């Protein structure tokens, strides 16, 4: 017997308001893409923004801890 073929993707069902669904369909058709491709891109963008928000928060916490209030003070600190 042959091994079963495994999917390289997983199925995720989500619910969105009807207006958003219409917008998603419209954009997908206009860009000749699938709704799945649009949702994957949206999530990648969300992850990117989230990571930068975390990095920025860490930077702000570090600046407070080091008592750095301006870009000039940061540049002087970094040498």
PDB file of N, CA and C in Angstrom:
ATOM      1  N   UNK A   1       0.833  -1.195   0.000  1.00  0.00           N
ATOM      2  CA  UNK A   1       0.000   0.000   0.000  1.00  0.00           C
ATOM      3  C   UNK A   1       0.870   1.248   0.000  1.00  0.00           C
ATOM      4  N   UNK A   2       0.407   2.269  -0.671  1.00  0.00           N
ATOM      5  CA  UNK A   2       1.153   3.523  -0.697  1.00  0.00           C
ATOM      6  C   UNK A   2       0.785   4.375   0.512  1.00  0.00           C
ATOM      7  N   UNK A   3       1.718   5.240   0.873  1.00  0.00           N
ATOM      8  CA  UNK A   3       1.479   6.133   2.000  1.00  0.00           C
ATOM      9  C   UNK A   3       0.458   7.193   1.604  1.00  0.00           C
ATOM     10  N   UNK A   4      -0.384   7.615   2.553  1.00  0.00           N
ATOM     11  CA  UNK A   4      -1.336   8.686   2.241  1.00  0.00           C
ATOM     12  C   UNK A   4      -0.596  10.002   1.998  1.00  0.00           C
ATOM     13  N   UNK A   5      -1.108  10.801   1.099  1.00  0.00           N
ATOM     14  CA  UNK A   5      -0.513  12.095   0.802  1.00  0.00           C
ATOM     15  C   UNK A   5      -0.883  13.068   1.915  1.00  0.00           C
ATOM     16  N   UNK A   6       0.121  13.728   2.459  1.00  0.00           N
ATOM     17  CA  UNK A   6      -0.126  14.705   3.528  1.00  0.00           C
ATOM     18  C   UNK A   6      -0.220  16.097   2.944  1.00  0.00           C
ATOM     19  N   UNK A   7      -1.167  16.847   3.445  1.00  0.00           N
ATOM     20  CA  UNK A   7      -1.326  18.236   3.002  1.00  0.00           C
ATOM     21  C   UNK A   7      -0.173  19.081   3.526  1.00  0.00           C
ATOM     22  N   UNK A   8       0.223  20.067   2.755  1.00  0.00           N
ATOM     23  CA  UNK A   8       1.251  21.002   3.195  1.00  0.00           C
ATOM     24  C   UNK A   8       0.620  22.224   3.856  1.00  0.00           C
ATOM     25  N   UNK A   9      -0.689  22.255   3.900  1.00  0.00           N
ATOM     26  CA  UNK A   9      -1.408  23.347   4.546  1.00  0.00           C
ATOM     27  C   UNK A   9      -2.440  22.760   5.490  1.00  0.00           C
ATOM     28  N   UNK A  10      -2.940  23.594   6.365  1.00  0.00           N
ATOM     29  CA  UNK A  10      -4.027  23.214   7.275  1.00  0.00           C
ATOM     30  C   UNK A  10      -5.206  24.116   6.980  1.00  0.00           C
ATOM     31  N   UNK A  11      -6.385  23.599   7.148  1.00  0.00           N
ATOM     32  CA  UNK A  11      -7.594  24.371   6.881  1.00  0.00           C
ATOM     33  C   UNK A  11      -8.005  25.107   8.150  1.00  0.00           C
ATOM     34  N   UNK A  12      -8.313  26.381   7.989  1.00  0.00           N
ATOM     35  CA  UNK A  12      -8.756  27.220   9.093  1.00  0.00           C
ATOM     36  C   UNK A  12     -10.022  27.940   8.649  1.00  0.00           C
ATOM     37  N   UNK A  13     -11.111  27.690   9.320  1.00  0.00           N
ATOM     38  CA  UNK A  13     -12.354  28.393   9.013  1.00  0.00           C
ATOM     39  C   UNK A  13     -12.471  29.596   9.928  1.00  0.00           C
ATOM     40  N   UNK A  14     -12.747  30.755   9.339  1.00  0.00           N
ATOM     41  CA  UNK A  14     -12.933  31.962  10.140  1.00  0.00           C
ATOM     42  C   UNK A  14     -14.266  32.589   9.755  1.00  0.00           C
ATOM     43  N   UNK A  15     -14.778  33.410  10.645  1.00  0.00           N
ATOM     44  CA  UNK A  15     -16.006  34.139  10.320  1.00  0.00           C
ATOM     45  C   UNK A  15     -15.685  35.624  10.273  1.00  0.00           C
ATOM     46  N   UNK A  16     -16.288  36.286   9.302  1.00  0.00           N
ATOM     47  CA  UNK A  16     -16.121  37.722   9.129  1.00  0.00           C
ATOM     48  C   UNK A  16     -17.490  38.316   8.842  1.00  0.00           C
ATOM     49  N   UNK A  17     -17.661  39.608   9.113  1.00  0.00           N
ATOM     50  CA  UNK A  17     -18.934  40.253   8.787  1.00  0.00           C
ATOM     51  C   UNK A  17     -19.176  40.188   7.272  1.00  0.00           C
ATOM     52  N   UNK A  18     -20.431  40.168   6.860  1.00  0.00           N
ATOM     53  CA  UNK A  18     -20.750  40.076   5.430  1.00  0.00           C
ATOM     54  C   UNK A  18     -20.063  41.145   4.578  1.00  0.00           C
ATOM     55  N   UNK A  19     -19.988  42.369   5.089  1.00  0.00           N
ATOM     56  CA  UNK A  19     -19.353  43.439   4.317  1.00  0.00           C
ATOM     57  C   UNK A  19     -17.879  43.127   4.079  1.00  0.00           C
ATOM     58  N   UNK A  20     -17.195  42.623   5.107  1.00  0.00           N
ATOM     59  CA  UNK A  20     -15.785  42.296   4.987  1.00  0.00           C
ATOM     60  C   UNK A  20     -15.605  41.145   3.992  1.00  0.00           C
ATOM     61  N   UNK A  21     -16.492  40.172   4.058  1.00  0.00           N
ATOM     62  CA  UNK A  21     -16.420  39.047   3.129  1.00  0.00           C
ATOM     63  C   UNK A  21     -16.524  39.544   1.691  1.00  0.00           C
ATOM     64  N   UNK A  22     -17.435  40.453   1.451  1.00  0.00           N
ATOM     65  CA  UNK A  22     -17.593  41.018   0.105  1.00  0.00           C
ATOM     66  C   UNK A  22     -16.324  41.745  -0.324  1.00  0.00           C
ATOM     67  N   UNK A  23     -15.746  42.498   0.594  1.00  0.00           N
ATOM     68  CA  UNK A  23     -14.506  43.220   0.289  1.00  0.00           C
ATOM     69  C   UNK A  23     -13.374  42.245  -0.031  1.00  0.00           C
ATOM     70  N   UNK A  24     -13.281  41.178   0.747  1.00  0.00           N
ATOM     71  CA  UNK A  24     -12.234  40.171   0.523  1.00  0.00           C
ATOM     72  C   UNK A  24     -12.400  39.541  -0.851  1.00  0.00           C
ATOM     73  N   UNK A  25     -13.623  39.157  -1.176  1.00  0.00           N
ATOM     74  CA  UNK A  25     -13.877  38.570  -2.495  1.00  0.00           C
ATOM     75  C   UNK A  25     -13.533  39.542  -3.619  1.00  0.00           C
ATOM     76  N   UNK A  26     -13.896  40.804  -3.435  1.00  0.00           N
ATOM     77  CA  UNK A  26     -13.645  41.819  -4.454  1.00  0.00           C
ATOM     78  C   UNK A  26     -12.146  42.006  -4.690  1.00  0.00           C
ATOM     79  N   UNK A  27     -11.391  42.119  -3.606  1.00  0.00           N
ATOM     80  CA  UNK A  27      -9.942  42.308  -3.728  1.00  0.00           C
ATOM     81  C   UNK A  27      -9.302  41.060  -4.332  1.00  0.00           C
ATOM     82  N   UNK A  28      -9.701  39.891  -3.875  1.00  0.00           N
ATOM     83  CA  UNK A  28      -9.135  38.646  -4.404  1.00  0.00           C
ATOM     84  C   UNK A  28      -9.357  38.565  -5.913  1.00  0.00           C
ATOM     85  N   UNK A  29     -10.546  38.877  -6.350  1.00  0.00           N
ATOM     86  CA  UNK A  29     -10.841  38.823  -7.785  1.00  0.00           C
ATOM     87  C   UNK A  29     -10.046  39.885  -8.544  1.00  0.00           C
ATOM     88  N   UNK A  30      -9.987  41.099  -8.002  1.00  0.00           N
ATOM     89  CA  UNK A  30      -9.281  42.191  -8.672  1.00  0.00           C
ATOM     90  C   UNK A  30      -7.787  41.896  -8.803  1.00  0.00           C
ATOM     91  N   UNK A  31      -7.219  41.203  -7.812  1.00  0.00           N
ATOM     92  CA  UNK A  31      -5.784  40.911  -7.817  1.00  0.00           C
ATOM     93  C   UNK A  31      -5.468  39.506  -8.317  1.00  0.00           C
ATOM     94  N   UNK A  32      -6.519  38.806  -8.761  1.00  0.00           N
ATOM     95  CA  UNK A  32      -6.365  37.439  -9.265  1.00  0.00           C
ATOM     96  C   UNK A  32      -5.652  36.545  -8.248  1.00  0.00           C
ATOM     97  N   UNK A  33      -6.132  36.614  -7.004  1.00  0.00           N
ATOM     98  CA  UNK A  33      -5.576  35.832  -5.906  1.00  0.00           C
ATOM     99  C   UNK A  33      -6.704  35.096  -5.216  1.00  0.00           C
ATOM    100  N   UNK A  34      -6.335  34.147  -4.372  1.00  0.00           N
ATOM    101  CA  UNK A  34      -7.351  33.450  -3.604  1.00  0.00           C
ATOM    102  C   UNK A  34      -7.601  34.186  -2.288  1.00  0.00           C
ATOM    103  N   UNK A  35      -8.744  33.918  -1.694  1.00  0.00           N
ATOM    104  CA  UNK A  35      -9.035  34.494  -0.375  1.00  0.00           C
ATOM    105  C   UNK A  35      -8.019  33.990   0.643  1.00  0.00           C
ATOM    106  N   UNK A  36      -7.585  32.751   0.494  1.00  0.00           N
ATOM    107  CA  UNK A  36      -6.576  32.197   1.401  1.00  0.00           C
ATOM    108  C   UNK A  36      -5.273  32.969   1.309  1.00  0.00           C
ATOM    109  N   UNK A  37      -4.857  33.305   0.081  1.00  0.00           N
ATOM    110  CA  UNK A  37      -3.625  34.084  -0.080  1.00  0.00           C
ATOM    111  C   UNK A  37      -3.742  35.435   0.612  1.00  0.00           C
ATOM    112  N   UNK A  38      -4.886  36.082   0.464  1.00  0.00           N
ATOM    113  CA  UNK A  38      -5.080  37.379   1.121  1.00  0.00           C
ATOM    114  C   UNK A  38      -5.020  37.253   2.638  1.00  0.00           C
ATOM    115  N   UNK A  39      -5.641  36.215   3.182  1.00  0.00           N
ATOM    116  CA  UNK A  39      -5.642  36.038   4.633  1.00  0.00           C
ATOM    117  C   UNK A  39      -4.244  35.698   5.144  1.00  0.00           C
ATOM    118  N   UNK A  40      -3.493  34.898   4.384  1.00  0.00           N
ATOM    119  CA  UNK A  40      -2.112  34.603   4.793  1.00  0.00           C
ATOM    120  C   UNK A  40      -1.275  35.873   4.802  1.00  0.00           C
ATOM    121  N   UNK A  41      -1.432  36.703   3.763  1.00  0.00           N
ATOM    122  CA  UNK A  41      -0.694  37.960   3.706  1.00  0.00           C
ATOM    123  C   UNK A  41      -1.091  38.875   4.862  1.00  0.00           C
ATOM    124  N   UNK A  42      -2.381  38.937   5.162  1.00  0.00           N
ATOM    125  CA  UNK A  42      -2.847  39.781   6.269  1.00  0.00           C
ATOM    126  C   UNK A  42      -2.233  39.318   7.590  1.00  0.00           C
ATOM    127  N   UNK A  43      -2.149  38.008   7.792  1.00  0.00           N
ATOM    128  CA  UNK A  43      -1.576  37.515   9.040  1.00  0.00           C
ATOM    129  C   UNK A  43      -0.077  37.766   9.097  1.00  0.00           C
ATOM    130  N   UNK A  44       0.619  37.597   7.969  1.00  0.00           N
ATOM    131  CA  UNK A  44       2.061  37.906   7.959  1.00  0.00           C
ATOM    132  C   UNK A  44       2.288  39.378   8.302  1.00  0.00           C
ATOM    133  N   UNK A  45       1.457  40.256   7.759  1.00  0.00           N
ATOM    134  CA  UNK A  45       1.579  41.683   8.073  1.00  0.00           C
ATOM    135  C   UNK A  45       1.309  41.920   9.564  1.00  0.00           C
ATOM    136  N   UNK A  46       0.286  41.274  10.102  1.00  0.00           N
ATOM    137  CA  UNK A  46      -0.024  41.398  11.528  1.00  0.00           C
ATOM    138  C   UNK A  46       1.173  40.962  12.370  1.00  0.00           C
ATOM    139  N   UNK A  47       1.797  39.833  12.025  1.00  0.00           N
ATOM    140  CA  UNK A  47       2.955  39.357  12.776  1.00  0.00           C
ATOM    141  C   UNK A  47       4.096  40.363  12.708  1.00  0.00           C
ATOM    142  N   UNK A  48       4.337  40.930  11.530  1.00  0.00           N
ATOM    143  CA  UNK A  48       5.393  41.920  11.355  1.00  0.00           C
ATOM    144  C   UNK A  48       5.157  43.126  12.263  1.00  0.00           C
ATOM    145  N   UNK A  49       3.934  43.664  12.232  1.00  0.00           N
ATOM    146  CA  UNK A  49       3.599  44.835  13.048  1.00  0.00           C
ATOM    147  C   UNK A  49       3.704  44.495  14.528  1.00  0.00           C
ATOM    148  N   UNK A  50       3.235  43.322  14.895  1.00  0.00           N
ATOM    149  CA  UNK A  50       3.283  42.899  16.294  1.00  0.00           C
ATOM    150  C   UNK A  50       4.721  42.800  16.787  1.00  0.00           C
ATOM    151  N   UNK A  51       5.602  42.205  15.973  1.00  0.00           N
ATOM    152  CA  UNK A  51       7.015  42.090  16.373  1.00  0.00           C
ATOM    153  C   UNK A  51       7.646  43.465  16.561  1.00  0.00           C
ATOM    154  N   UNK A  52       7.379  44.383  15.626  1.00  0.00           N
ATOM    155  CA  UNK A  52       7.943  45.727  15.750  1.00  0.00           C
ATOM    156  C   UNK A  52       7.392  46.437  16.975  1.00  0.00           C
ATOM    157  N   UNK A  53       6.113  46.211  17.298  1.00  0.00           N
ATOM    158  CA  UNK A  53       5.531  46.816  18.497  1.00  0.00           C
ATOM    159  C   UNK A  53       6.252  46.297  19.742  1.00  0.00           C
ATOM    160  N   UNK A  54       6.548  44.998  19.773  1.00  0.00           N
ATOM    161  CA  UNK A  54       7.271  44.411  20.908  1.00  0.00           C
ATOM    162  C   UNK A  54       8.691  44.971  20.991  1.00  0.00           C
ATOM    163  N   UNK A  55       9.361  45.079  19.853  1.00  0.00           N
ATOM    164  CA  UNK A  55      10.720  45.626  19.827  1.00  0.00           C
ATOM    165  C   UNK A  55      10.719  47.078  20.294  1.00  0.00           C
ATOM    166  N   UNK A  56       9.759  47.837  19.799  1.00  0.00           N
ATOM    167  CA  UNK A  56       9.668  49.252  20.204  1.00  0.00           C
ATOM    168  C   UNK A  56       9.402  49.362  21.704  1.00  0.00           C
ATOM    169  N   UNK A  57       8.537  48.532  22.233  1.00  0.00           N
ATOM    170  CA  UNK A  57       8.269  48.530  23.672  1.00  0.00           C
ATOM    171  C   UNK A  57       9.517  48.210  24.471  1.00  0.00           C
ATOM    172  N   UNK A  58      10.283  47.224  24.010  1.00  0.00           N
ATOM    173  CA  UNK A  58      11.533  46.892  24.683  1.00  0.00           C
ATOM    174  C   UNK A  58      12.484  48.086  24.639  1.00  0.00           C
ATOM    175  N   UNK A  59      12.556  48.753  23.488  1.00  0.00           N
ATOM    176  CA  UNK A  59      13.435  49.915  23.361  1.00  0.00           C
ATOM    177  C   UNK A  59      13.029  51.041  24.293  1.00  0.00           C
ATOM    178  N   UNK A  60      11.724  51.285  24.380  1.00  0.00           N
ATOM    179  CA  UNK A  60      11.238  52.350  25.269  1.00  0.00           C
ATOM    180  C   UNK A  60      11.527  52.017  26.731  1.00  0.00           C
ATOM    181  N   UNK A  61      11.333  50.759  27.118  1.00  0.00           N
ATOM    182  CA  UNK A  61      11.635  50.341  28.489  1.00  0.00           C
ATOM    183  C   UNK A  61      13.122  50.504  28.786  1.00  0.00           C
ATOM    184  N   UNK A  62      13.951  50.144  27.828  1.00  0.00           N
ATOM    185  CA  UNK A  62      15.397  50.269  27.997  1.00  0.00           C
ATOM    186  C   UNK A  62      15.803  51.733  28.116  1.00  0.00           C
ATOM    187  N   UNK A  63      15.213  52.599  27.286  1.00  0.00           N
ATOM    188  CA  UNK A  63      15.522  54.032  27.340  1.00  0.00           C
ATOM    189  C   UNK A  63      15.152  54.609  28.701  1.00  0.00           C
ATOM    190  N   UNK A  64      14.021  54.203  29.247  1.00  0.00           N
ATOM    191  CA  UNK A  64      13.606  54.687  30.575  1.00  0.00           C
ATOM    192  C   UNK A  64      14.593  54.197  31.623  1.00  0.00           C
ATOM    193  N   UNK A  65      14.948  52.920  31.546  1.00  0.00           N
ATOM    194  CA  UNK A  65      15.876  52.347  32.524  1.00  0.00           C
ATOM    195  C   UNK A  65      17.237  53.037  32.480  1.00  0.00           C
ATOM    196  N   UNK A  66      17.671  53.449  31.279  1.00  0.00           N
ATOM    197  CA  UNK A  66      18.966  54.107  31.133  1.00  0.00           C
ATOM    198  C   UNK A  66      18.859  55.628  31.198  1.00  0.00           C
ATOM    199  N   UNK A  67      17.640  56.121  31.444  1.00  0.00           N
ATOM    200  CA  UNK A  67      17.379  57.556  31.547  1.00  0.00           C
ATOM    201  C   UNK A  67      17.770  58.305  30.269  1.00  0.00           C
ATOM    202  N   UNK A  68      17.421  57.733  29.125  1.00  0.00           N
ATOM    203  CA  UNK A  68      17.687  58.356  27.830  1.00  0.00           C
ATOM    204  C   UNK A  68      16.373  58.947  27.322  1.00  0.00           C
ATOM    205  N   UNK A  69      16.362  60.255  27.098  1.00  0.00           N
ATOM    206  CA  UNK A  69      15.114  60.916  26.712  1.00  0.00           C
ATOM    207  C   UNK A  69      15.095  61.405  25.267  1.00  0.00           C
ATOM    208  N   UNK A  70      16.261  61.562  24.648  1.00  0.00           N
ATOM    209  CA  UNK A  70      16.295  62.088  23.280  1.00  0.00           C
ATOM    210  C   UNK A  70      17.157  61.189  22.400  1.00  0.00           C
ATOM    211  N   UNK A  71      17.007  61.360  21.084  1.00  0.00           N
ATOM    212  CA  UNK A  71      17.851  60.621  20.143  1.00  0.00           C
ATOM    213  C   UNK A  71      19.315  60.986  20.339  1.00  0.00           C
ATOM    214  N   UNK A  72      19.568  62.245  20.655  1.00  0.00           N
ATOM    215  CA  UNK A  72      20.945  62.687  20.878  1.00  0.00           C
ATOM    216  C   UNK A  72      21.564  61.965  22.068  1.00  0.00           C
ATOM    217  N   UNK A  73      20.788  61.823  23.134  1.00  0.00           N
ATOM    218  CA  UNK A  73      21.290  61.097  24.315  1.00  0.00           C
ATOM    219  C   UNK A  73      21.559  59.644  23.977  1.00  0.00           C
ATOM    220  N   UNK A  74      20.703  59.053  23.166  1.00  0.00           N
ATOM    221  CA  UNK A  74      20.898  57.669  22.760  1.00  0.00           C
ATOM    222  C   UNK A  74      22.179  57.534  21.932  1.00  0.00           C
ATOM    223  N   UNK A  75      22.377  58.457  20.957  1.00  0.00           N
ATOM    224  CA  UNK A  75      23.575  58.416  20.137  1.00  0.00           C
ATOM    225  C   UNK A  75      24.837  58.594  20.979  1.00  0.00           C
ATOM    226  N   UNK A  76      24.792  59.497  21.948  1.00  0.00           N
ATOM    227  CA  UNK A  76      25.936  59.704  22.837  1.00  0.00           C
ATOM    228  C   UNK A  76      26.214  58.440  23.659  1.00  0.00           C
ATOM    229  N   UNK A  77      25.153  57.814  24.131  1.00  0.00           N
ATOM    230  CA  UNK A  77      25.284  56.585  24.921  1.00  0.00           C
ATOM    231  C   UNK A  77      25.913  55.474  24.093  1.00  0.00           C
ATOM    232  N   UNK A  78      25.491  55.371  22.842  1.00  0.00           N
ATOM    233  CA  UNK A  78      25.996  54.310  21.969  1.00  0.00           C
ATOM    234  C   UNK A  78      27.420  54.579  21.476  1.00  0.00           C
ATOM    235  N   UNK A  79      27.824  55.854  21.595  1.00  0.00           N
ATOM    236  CA  UNK A  79      29.197  56.212  21.249  1.00  0.00           C
ATOM    237  C   UNK A  79      29.372  56.415  19.805  1.00  0.00           C
TER     238      UNK A  79
END
